């Protein structure tokens, strides 16, 4: 039964239209199920115990002269801006629009990831990306990763197929969606492909520079310096520091503002989180041994390891780490044809269990 399910899903990966409809339909049905169970649209936005609360508040009035959310939240401006342009500040429409944008964006991100995976001929990685519980929770929790990942994987795909202009345009939009994450990909785009991308890099560079100047004008440079350093920002540490510091802090001393997860779901959560951590280490080892070269993943792992915003159990760094393609390639690189479907089925069940545990 498990093998049949995985075989069916794998077959859908080969057609982009079917793949989009499969992911879109699943996530839409999950949302409809929540509504049928009596939850309202706000349960999946400002009441989801995620950063979605901040993006919801910004989307109600992104140009407010007295912003309710910090400049750091406004930096990830594209998602709440698109929401506002559609919902026009109506509370119900804002929450509903956030969900529908994310379902659509995540479905497109899976398609873009599938294109990248096809270049490496490791199709199984698409399944592990599509049902990553961190990304599923981000999708239904009103967070901005789905939109950001769509542009990020689009930029990567077009870069690898030598369409540098399209890659630069996608990277520019990614810079508006999540500038604090996108900067860790810049070394890859600048240093590989014999630096052919250099002249096109002006497009995302100008975009992120103008956006940065707008934020500094609106909130002040000192606001961002104090927030990043952790000084009087309301956060226990700086946003940048010793690699994986807050991962170990949260594992052994407990996270901050973390929704209670108990019993079997807590074990599933810890299994997945530790799996991501060890997968990161294993990815570096495989790249070093040249089992499979992926310098985009290596750039993100090495330069992004100093990120520290992992206040809760699977936020912050692990949302960033979910962008690293190599994590999803490891099962296909290490497991044989008999073990891969079984592992995929167990991964699928674990991911869905955590998704349902978070919202219901």
Protein backbone atom coordinates (compact mmCIF):
# COMPACT_ATOMS: atom_id res chain seq x y z
CA UNK A 1 0.00 0.00 0.00
CA UNK A 2 2.78 2.42 0.98
CA UNK A 3 4.68 1.66 -2.23
CA UNK A 4 1.53 2.19 -4.33
CA UNK A 5 0.91 5.60 -2.75
CA UNK A 6 4.50 6.73 -3.30
CA UNK A 7 4.47 5.36 -6.87
CA UNK A 8 1.30 7.36 -7.59
CA UNK A 9 2.79 10.56 -6.18
CA UNK A 10 6.03 9.99 -8.07
CA UNK A 11 4.08 9.58 -11.31
CA UNK A 12 2.38 12.94 -10.75
CA UNK A 13 5.77 14.61 -10.44
CA UNK A 14 6.47 14.09 -14.13
CA UNK A 15 3.73 16.46 -15.33
CA UNK A 16 3.95 20.06 -14.08
CA UNK A 17 0.24 20.71 -14.50
CA UNK A 18 -0.74 17.59 -12.58
CA UNK A 19 1.87 18.37 -9.95
CA UNK A 20 0.53 21.90 -9.43
CA UNK A 21 -3.07 20.66 -9.23
CA UNK A 22 -2.13 17.87 -6.81
CA UNK A 23 -0.37 20.19 -4.36
CA UNK A 24 -2.95 22.96 -4.76
CA UNK A 25 -5.88 20.57 -4.24
CA UNK A 26 -4.35 18.95 -1.16
CA UNK A 27 -3.65 22.27 0.56
CA UNK A 28 -7.01 23.75 -0.41
CA UNK A 29 -8.79 20.68 0.97
CA UNK A 30 -6.82 21.01 4.21
CA UNK A 31 -8.00 24.62 4.51
CA UNK A 32 -11.61 23.67 3.71
CA UNK A 33 -11.42 20.87 6.29
CA UNK A 34 -10.39 23.38 8.91
CA UNK A 35 -13.38 25.58 8.05
CA UNK A 36 -15.69 22.54 8.12
CA UNK A 37 -14.41 21.68 11.60
CA UNK A 38 -15.54 25.08 12.83
CA UNK A 39 -12.36 27.13 12.58
CA UNK A 40 -12.59 30.53 10.91
CA UNK A 41 -10.21 32.05 8.38
CA UNK A 42 -8.32 33.89 11.12
CA UNK A 43 -7.24 30.55 12.55
CA UNK A 44 -4.96 30.24 9.52
CA UNK A 45 -3.62 33.79 9.68
CA UNK A 46 -3.36 36.03 12.74
CA UNK A 47 -4.35 33.27 15.19
CA UNK A 48 -2.07 30.50 13.89
CA UNK A 49 0.68 31.02 16.52
CA UNK A 50 3.12 31.88 13.73
CA UNK A 51 4.69 34.98 12.21
CA UNK A 52 1.49 35.17 10.18
CA UNK A 53 0.10 37.44 12.90
CA UNK A 54 2.68 40.10 11.97
CA UNK A 55 2.06 39.78 8.24
CA UNK A 56 -1.68 39.98 8.82
CA UNK A 57 -1.27 43.23 10.77
CA UNK A 58 0.96 44.70 8.06
CA UNK A 59 -1.42 43.60 5.28
CA UNK A 60 -4.27 45.53 6.90
CA UNK A 61 -2.39 48.81 6.33
CA UNK A 62 1.14 48.39 4.96
CA UNK A 63 1.63 52.15 4.51
CA UNK A 64 0.55 53.17 8.01
CA UNK A 65 2.36 56.23 9.38
CA UNK A 66 2.50 54.48 12.76
CA UNK A 67 3.40 50.87 11.93
CA UNK A 68 2.26 48.29 14.45
CA UNK A 69 4.96 45.80 13.44
CA UNK A 70 8.74 46.32 13.45
CA UNK A 71 10.80 47.35 10.47
CA UNK A 72 12.20 43.82 10.38
CA UNK A 73 8.71 42.50 9.59
CA UNK A 74 8.12 45.23 7.03
CA UNK A 75 11.36 44.19 5.31
CA UNK A 76 9.55 41.09 4.05
CA UNK A 77 7.11 43.40 2.31
CA UNK A 78 5.97 41.67 -0.86
CA UNK A 79 3.57 39.12 0.66
CA UNK A 80 1.55 41.56 2.83
CA UNK A 81 1.63 44.15 0.01
CA UNK A 82 0.05 41.75 -2.51
CA UNK A 83 -2.49 40.76 0.15
CA UNK A 84 -3.39 44.41 0.76
CA UNK A 85 -3.77 45.16 -2.96
CA UNK A 86 -6.34 42.36 -3.17
CA UNK A 87 -8.12 42.59 0.20
CA UNK A 88 -7.89 46.39 0.69
CA UNK A 89 -7.60 46.12 4.46
CA UNK A 90 -10.80 44.18 5.10
CA UNK A 91 -10.02 41.87 8.07
CA UNK A 92 -11.90 38.81 6.75
CA UNK A 93 -10.72 39.25 3.17
CA UNK A 94 -7.14 39.79 4.39
CA UNK A 95 -7.04 36.49 6.28
CA UNK A 96 -8.68 34.62 3.38
CA UNK A 97 -6.39 36.21 0.79
CA UNK A 98 -3.27 35.35 2.78
CA UNK A 99 -4.27 31.69 2.76
CA UNK A 100 -5.15 31.56 -0.92
CA UNK A 101 -1.97 33.39 -1.96
CA UNK A 102 0.11 30.94 0.04
CA UNK A 103 -1.62 27.85 -1.30
CA UNK A 104 -1.09 29.10 -4.85
CA UNK A 105 2.48 30.25 -4.24
CA UNK A 106 3.50 27.03 -2.53
CA UNK A 107 2.07 25.00 -5.41
CA UNK A 108 4.12 27.08 -7.85
CA UNK A 109 7.20 26.69 -5.65
CA UNK A 110 6.85 22.89 -5.87
CA UNK A 111 6.72 23.18 -9.66
CA UNK A 112 9.81 25.39 -9.68
CA UNK A 113 11.60 22.99 -7.35
CA UNK A 114 10.59 20.13 -9.66
CA UNK A 115 12.25 21.92 -12.56
CA UNK A 116 15.47 22.26 -10.56
CA UNK A 117 15.28 18.60 -9.49
CA UNK A 118 14.83 17.49 -13.11
CA UNK A 119 18.21 19.05 -13.94
CA UNK A 120 19.81 16.69 -11.41
CA UNK A 121 17.55 13.74 -12.30
CA UNK A 122 16.59 13.24 -8.64
CA UNK A 123 12.79 13.36 -8.92
CA UNK A 124 12.17 11.82 -5.50
CA UNK A 125 13.38 15.06 -3.88
CA UNK A 126 10.19 16.81 -5.03
CA UNK A 127 8.06 14.61 -2.79
CA UNK A 128 10.17 15.45 0.27
CA UNK A 129 10.00 19.16 -0.51
CA UNK A 130 6.24 19.18 -1.16
CA UNK A 131 5.42 17.54 2.18
CA UNK A 132 8.01 19.22 4.36
CA UNK A 133 5.92 19.98 7.50
CA UNK A 134 7.81 23.22 8.11
CA UNK A 135 6.73 24.51 4.72
CA UNK A 136 3.19 23.20 5.10
CA UNK A 137 2.85 25.02 8.42
CA UNK A 138 4.32 28.14 6.83
CA UNK A 139 1.79 27.87 4.01
CA UNK A 140 -1.23 27.60 6.28
CA UNK A 141 0.16 29.82 9.01
CA UNK A 142 0.26 33.00 6.96
CA UNK A 143 4.04 33.14 6.57
CA UNK A 144 5.98 34.38 3.56
CA UNK A 145 8.17 31.38 2.69
CA UNK A 146 5.88 30.00 -0.07
CA UNK A 147 6.09 33.21 -2.11
CA UNK A 148 9.80 33.63 -1.41
CA UNK A 149 10.63 30.03 -2.34
CA UNK A 150 8.73 30.38 -5.64
CA UNK A 151 10.96 33.26 -6.69
CA UNK A 152 14.09 31.70 -5.21
CA UNK A 153 13.76 28.38 -7.03
CA UNK A 154 12.70 30.24 -10.17
CA UNK A 155 15.92 32.26 -9.97
CA UNK A 156 17.94 29.09 -9.45
CA UNK A 157 16.30 27.24 -12.35
CA UNK A 158 16.81 30.05 -14.85
CA UNK A 159 20.37 30.57 -13.62
CA UNK A 160 21.23 26.93 -14.16
CA UNK A 161 19.70 27.01 -17.65
CA UNK A 162 21.74 30.15 -18.49
CA UNK A 163 18.74 32.46 -18.70
CA UNK A 164 20.47 35.05 -16.52
CA UNK A 165 18.05 37.90 -17.17
CA UNK A 166 15.03 35.90 -15.98
CA UNK A 167 17.08 34.64 -13.05
CA UNK A 168 17.91 38.21 -12.04
CA UNK A 169 14.24 39.25 -12.23
CA UNK A 170 13.16 36.33 -10.03
CA UNK A 171 15.99 37.10 -7.61
CA UNK A 172 14.84 40.72 -7.42
CA UNK A 173 11.33 39.64 -6.41
CA UNK A 174 12.86 37.21 -3.90
CA UNK A 175 14.73 40.18 -2.44
CA UNK A 176 11.44 41.93 -1.78
CA UNK A 177 9.85 38.77 -0.35
CA UNK A 178 12.61 37.85 2.11
CA UNK A 179 15.78 40.03 1.92
CA UNK A 180 17.21 38.60 5.15
CA UNK A 181 17.32 35.12 3.58
CA UNK A 182 18.10 35.92 -0.06
CA UNK A 183 21.46 37.57 0.71
CA UNK A 184 22.95 34.20 1.66
CA UNK A 185 22.40 32.98 -1.90
CA UNK A 186 24.28 35.90 -3.47
CA UNK A 187 27.75 34.28 -3.25
CA UNK A 188 26.50 31.37 -5.37
CA UNK A 189 25.06 33.57 -8.10
CA UNK A 190 28.13 35.82 -8.17
CA UNK A 191 30.92 33.24 -8.03
CA UNK A 192 29.71 30.34 -10.19
CA UNK A 193 29.14 30.07 -13.96
CA UNK A 194 32.43 31.94 -14.52
CA UNK A 195 30.82 35.04 -13.04
CA UNK A 196 28.62 35.53 -16.11
CA UNK A 197 25.77 36.62 -13.85
CA UNK A 198 27.70 39.64 -12.55
CA UNK A 199 26.25 42.22 -14.95
CA UNK A 200 22.70 40.95 -14.37
CA UNK A 201 23.20 41.10 -10.60
CA UNK A 202 22.54 44.85 -10.77
CA UNK A 203 18.81 44.06 -11.07
CA UNK A 204 18.41 42.40 -7.64
CA UNK A 205 21.11 44.65 -6.15
CA UNK A 206 19.30 47.86 -7.12
CA UNK A 207 15.98 46.34 -5.98
CA UNK A 208 17.20 45.35 -2.53
CA UNK A 209 19.11 48.65 -2.16
CA UNK A 210 16.05 50.80 -2.91
CA UNK A 211 13.96 48.64 -0.57
CA UNK A 212 16.61 48.99 2.13
CA UNK A 213 16.77 52.78 1.77
CA UNK A 214 12.97 52.92 2.03
CA UNK A 215 13.06 50.90 5.26
CA UNK A 216 15.86 53.01 6.75
CA UNK A 217 13.97 56.22 5.86
CA UNK A 218 10.82 54.86 7.44
CA UNK A 219 12.19 53.21 10.58
CA UNK A 220 15.73 54.56 10.97
CA UNK A 221 19.07 52.76 10.70
CA UNK A 222 19.40 52.46 14.47
CA UNK A 223 16.16 50.43 14.60
CA UNK A 224 17.64 47.69 12.42
CA UNK A 225 21.05 47.74 14.11
CA UNK A 226 19.50 47.33 17.55
CA UNK A 227 17.10 44.64 16.36
CA UNK A 228 19.85 42.66 14.62
CA UNK A 229 22.19 42.88 17.61
CA UNK A 230 19.46 42.01 20.10
CA UNK A 231 20.01 45.22 22.09
CA UNK A 232 16.69 46.43 23.56
CA UNK A 233 14.85 44.58 20.83
CA UNK A 234 12.85 42.30 23.07
CA UNK A 235 14.77 39.24 21.83
CA UNK A 236 17.26 37.27 23.94
CA UNK A 237 20.13 37.31 21.43
CA UNK A 238 21.33 38.80 18.17
CA UNK A 239 20.07 37.65 14.79
CA UNK A 240 23.57 36.58 13.75
CA UNK A 241 26.00 34.57 15.85
CA UNK A 242 27.68 31.23 16.45
CA UNK A 243 26.44 28.65 13.90
CA UNK A 244 23.47 26.61 15.22
CA UNK A 245 23.65 28.28 18.66
CA UNK A 246 19.90 28.67 19.08
CA UNK A 247 19.25 25.22 17.63
CA UNK A 248 20.99 23.65 20.62
CA UNK A 249 19.56 26.25 22.99
CA UNK A 250 16.01 25.42 21.94
CA UNK A 251 16.59 21.69 21.93
CA UNK A 252 18.03 21.48 25.44
CA UNK A 253 16.67 24.58 27.20
CA UNK A 254 13.34 25.11 25.46
CA UNK A 255 12.21 27.60 22.84
CA UNK A 256 10.61 30.98 23.36
CA UNK A 257 6.89 31.43 22.64
CA UNK A 258 6.65 27.89 21.32
CA UNK A 259 3.15 26.37 20.97
CA UNK A 260 2.86 23.29 23.14
CA UNK A 261 3.47 20.05 21.28
CA UNK A 262 3.24 16.95 23.40
CA UNK A 263 3.17 13.18 23.17
CA UNK A 264 3.76 11.49 19.84
CA UNK A 265 3.62 14.77 17.91
CA UNK A 266 6.47 16.15 20.03
CA UNK A 267 8.55 13.08 19.16
CA UNK A 268 7.70 13.51 15.48
CA UNK A 269 8.69 17.17 15.68
CA UNK A 270 12.03 16.39 17.31
CA UNK A 271 12.73 13.60 14.86
CA UNK A 272 12.15 15.90 11.90
CA UNK A 273 14.13 18.78 13.38
CA UNK A 274 17.14 16.64 14.26
CA UNK A 275 16.85 14.98 10.84
CA UNK A 276 17.19 18.39 9.17
CA UNK A 277 20.20 19.22 11.31
CA UNK A 278 22.01 15.98 10.52
CA UNK A 279 20.96 16.28 6.87
CA UNK A 280 22.73 19.63 6.73
CA UNK A 281 25.92 18.06 8.05
CA UNK A 282 25.55 15.08 5.72
CA UNK A 283 25.00 17.43 2.76
CA UNK A 284 28.33 19.15 3.37
CA UNK A 285 30.02 15.75 3.68
CA UNK A 286 28.52 14.46 0.41
CA UNK A 287 29.50 17.64 -1.43
CA UNK A 288 33.02 17.38 -0.03
CA UNK A 289 33.20 13.75 -1.18
CA UNK A 290 31.72 14.80 -4.54
CA UNK A 291 28.89 12.25 -4.26
CA UNK A 292 26.68 14.93 -5.76
CA UNK A 293 27.79 18.54 -6.27
CA UNK A 294 25.34 21.30 -5.42
CA UNK A 295 27.06 24.62 -4.80
CA UNK A 296 23.78 26.48 -4.31
CA UNK A 297 23.03 24.29 -1.29
CA UNK A 298 26.61 24.61 -0.05
CA UNK A 299 26.43 28.41 -0.27
CA UNK A 300 23.24 28.48 1.80
CA UNK A 301 24.56 26.04 4.40
CA UNK A 302 27.91 27.75 4.89
CA UNK A 303 26.90 31.41 4.72
CA UNK A 304 23.48 30.94 6.34
CA UNK A 305 24.62 28.89 9.34
CA UNK A 306 25.16 32.09 11.35
CA UNK A 307 21.42 32.88 11.27
CA UNK A 308 19.96 32.85 14.77
CA UNK A 309 16.21 33.63 14.61
CA UNK A 310 15.22 30.12 15.75
CA UNK A 311 13.19 31.19 18.75
CA UNK A 312 10.59 28.47 18.44
CA UNK A 313 11.07 24.82 17.63
CA UNK A 314 10.82 24.94 13.85
CA UNK A 315 10.87 28.59 12.92
CA UNK A 316 13.75 30.86 12.07
CA UNK A 317 16.75 28.97 10.80
CA UNK A 318 14.87 25.82 9.87
CA UNK A 319 12.53 27.76 7.62
CA UNK A 320 15.66 29.07 5.93
CA UNK A 321 17.17 25.57 5.83
CA UNK A 322 14.04 24.30 4.09
CA UNK A 323 15.23 26.20 1.01
CA UNK A 324 18.35 24.01 0.71
CA UNK A 325 17.72 21.51 -2.13
CA UNK A 326 20.34 19.03 -0.98
CA UNK A 327 18.25 18.10 2.08
CA UNK A 328 15.60 16.63 -0.19
CA UNK A 329 18.10 14.86 -2.44
CA UNK A 330 19.74 12.78 0.31
CA UNK A 331 17.10 9.98 0.40
CA UNK A 332 17.38 9.51 -3.37
CA UNK A 333 21.17 9.50 -3.16
CA UNK A 334 21.44 7.02 -0.29
CA UNK A 335 18.43 4.65 -0.35
CA UNK A 336 17.76 1.83 -2.80
CA UNK A 337 14.53 1.35 -4.75
CA UNK A 338 12.99 -0.77 -1.97
CA UNK A 339 13.79 1.47 0.99
CA UNK A 340 13.07 4.81 -0.72
CA UNK A 341 9.26 4.29 -1.05
CA UNK A 342 9.04 3.10 2.57
CA UNK A 343 11.03 6.07 3.84
CA UNK A 344 8.94 8.38 1.69
CA UNK A 345 5.71 6.98 3.13
CA UNK A 346 6.94 7.38 6.72
CA UNK A 347 8.09 10.91 5.94
CA UNK A 348 4.69 11.72 4.45
CA UNK A 349 2.81 10.41 7.49
CA UNK A 350 5.13 12.24 9.91
CA UNK A 351 4.84 15.51 8.03
CA UNK A 352 1.05 15.39 7.82
CA UNK A 353 0.79 14.41 11.51
CA UNK A 354 2.75 17.48 12.53
CA UNK A 355 0.69 19.71 10.23
CA UNK A 356 -2.58 18.50 11.74
CA UNK A 357 -1.15 18.67 15.27
CA UNK A 358 -0.24 22.32 14.79
CA UNK A 359 -3.62 23.52 13.53
CA UNK A 360 -6.10 21.08 15.03
